Amino acid sequence: MWALWWVWLAAALVLAILEIFAPGFILLGFAIGAALVGIVLALGGPVALYLATSLPMMLVAFACFSLLAWFGLRRIVGVRDRQVKIFDRDINDDK
């Protein structure tokens, strides 16, 4: 079942829909990783045959694609300025 390309694309679609309800870009990297694994399996070729040999190989590819997608999203979207303000002193301190 995990070697079917449409299963990975369906999982990517579900993760992308769940991203709407999550704050930030938590599930989008996983959705992109699942979509990339699905696309590789759909295109076929030697890489797809190598991935389809076992579930652990597909999970490793999914993890690598998801990590690369997360780094790409982090670079494109970035961290917002002044997203979290950290106070290092109290306003009542007289220094």
Foldseek 3Di string as FASTA:
>chain_A
DVLALVVLLVVLVVLVVVCVVDPDCDSNLLSQLSNVLSVDSVVDDPVSVVCSPDPVSSVVSSVVSSVVSVVVCCVVVNDDPPPDDDDPDDPPDDD
